[in-house]
Amino acid sequence: MFERFTTQARAVVISARLHARALHSERIEPIHVFLGALDKADEPLGSALAEAGFTLDNALEDVLSRDARALRSIGIDLHDVIDTVECAVGFGDVDHSNDSHLPFAPSAKEALKLALKEAVRLRDREIGVEHMLLGVIAGADPSFTELVSVRGSLDDLRDAVLLVRTS
């Protein structure tokens, strides 16, 4: 399937993997694909997403805030943990960039299949960043839906993507 991906869509997959690693995930989830799409969206898609409230910086802030809230709910302060680890091993001393391959979660695989279906539905020959976003939206899991709801709705996000296609 990846042979039908545009160069930018392939860059989204690479960016998703990097975001998954940076967030210490064991696999690539739809949220990581979304972060990768926000990271690699060219104009005019990037501007349309930003105008709708969806930027990479905002999404990363929301992901980290959500994780911190979850930990705080069980009595763990994320910043204290980070400070303790950095004191013990040194800031930036632990590098996992060469660790083994990160697999796609079933929900992320489904989002990529849905991206292909979106491209077919729209009669496009290639899968682009916009199709990947539409696939993630169509297969939205609860975690992704929660993240999007901080800034808007799945419909707002879908409308921003489709607006670019019609202009």
Foldseek 3Di string as FASTA:
>chain_A
DCVQADPLLVQLVVQLQVVCVVVVHQARELLSSLLSLLVRPDPPLVVLCVVLPDHNVLLVVLVVVVVQVVCVVVPDHPVVVVVVVCVVQNPPNDDCPPPDDHYHDPLLVQLVVQLVVVCVVVVHRGRYSLSSLVSCLVSPDPVNQVSVVVRHGSVSSNCSSVVVVVD
